[in-house]
């Protein structure tokens, strides 16, 4: 219907190609960090990672419903 794209607060209205390329780039940087044995600039434990994910998800939900 008309080709209009509704902005999605979770994905930020980004096309899937851009999201895919960003993920691949992040994986490539992760490989470089591992090869050179550099510390990863991210929370070292799964709980920290889930905290960041929860923040992102909460922001998206508020944007969608409020």
Protein backbone atom coordinates (compact mmCIF):
# COMPACT_ATOMS: atom_id res chain seq x y z
CA UNK A 1 0.00 0.00 0.00
CA UNK A 2 1.84 3.06 -1.22
CA UNK A 3 5.28 1.91 -0.09
CA UNK A 4 5.22 4.00 3.09
CA UNK A 5 7.26 2.56 5.92
CA UNK A 6 6.05 2.96 9.49
CA UNK A 7 8.82 3.91 11.91
CA UNK A 8 9.40 1.09 14.38
CA UNK A 9 10.78 2.28 17.77
CA UNK A 10 12.46 -1.08 18.37
CA UNK A 11 14.36 -1.18 15.07
CA UNK A 12 14.48 2.60 14.74
CA UNK A 13 13.05 2.47 11.23
CA UNK A 14 16.33 1.08 9.89
CA UNK A 15 16.26 -1.20 6.87
CA UNK A 16 17.29 -4.79 7.56
CA UNK A 17 20.35 -4.48 5.29
CA UNK A 18 21.77 -1.73 7.52
CA UNK A 19 21.09 -3.76 10.67
CA UNK A 20 22.71 -6.83 9.08
CA UNK A 21 25.79 -4.87 7.97
CA UNK A 22 26.15 -3.33 11.43
CA UNK A 23 26.00 -6.78 13.01
CA UNK A 24 28.63 -8.15 10.60
CA UNK A 25 30.88 -5.13 11.30
CA UNK A 26 30.54 -5.70 15.04
CA UNK A 27 31.44 -9.36 14.62
CA UNK A 28 34.50 -8.37 12.59
CA UNK A 29 35.64 -5.96 15.29
CA UNK A 30 35.11 -8.73 17.85
CA UNK A 31 37.38 -11.01 15.83
CA UNK A 32 40.09 -8.32 15.75
CA UNK A 33 39.82 -7.87 19.53
CA UNK A 34 40.12 -11.64 20.03
CA UNK A 35 43.10 -12.03 17.66
CA UNK A 36 45.04 -9.25 19.39
CA UNK A 37 43.86 -10.41 22.83
CA UNK A 38 42.41 -7.00 23.66
CA UNK A 39 39.77 -6.53 26.35
CA UNK A 40 36.28 -6.21 24.91
CA UNK A 41 34.73 -2.79 25.69
CA UNK A 42 31.51 -4.36 26.98
CA UNK A 43 30.21 -5.70 30.27
CA UNK A 44 32.27 -8.77 31.18
CA UNK A 45 29.32 -10.72 32.56
CA UNK A 46 26.04 -11.83 31.05
CA UNK A 47 24.04 -9.90 33.67
CA UNK A 48 25.59 -6.62 32.49
CA UNK A 49 24.79 -7.44 28.90
CA UNK A 50 21.18 -8.24 29.81
CA UNK A 51 20.97 -4.93 31.68
CA UNK A 52 21.91 -3.07 28.51
CA UNK A 53 19.42 -5.14 26.51
CA UNK A 54 16.70 -4.39 29.08
CA UNK A 55 17.40 -0.67 28.83
CA UNK A 56 17.12 -0.81 25.04
CA UNK A 57 13.94 -2.88 25.18
CA UNK A 58 12.30 -0.62 27.78
CA UNK A 59 13.07 2.45 25.71
CA UNK A 60 11.55 0.81 22.64
CA UNK A 61 8.41 -0.27 24.49
CA UNK A 62 7.79 3.21 25.88
CA UNK A 63 8.28 4.65 22.39
CA UNK A 64 5.78 2.20 20.96
CA UNK A 65 2.99 2.40 23.57
CA UNK A 66 3.23 5.87 25.16
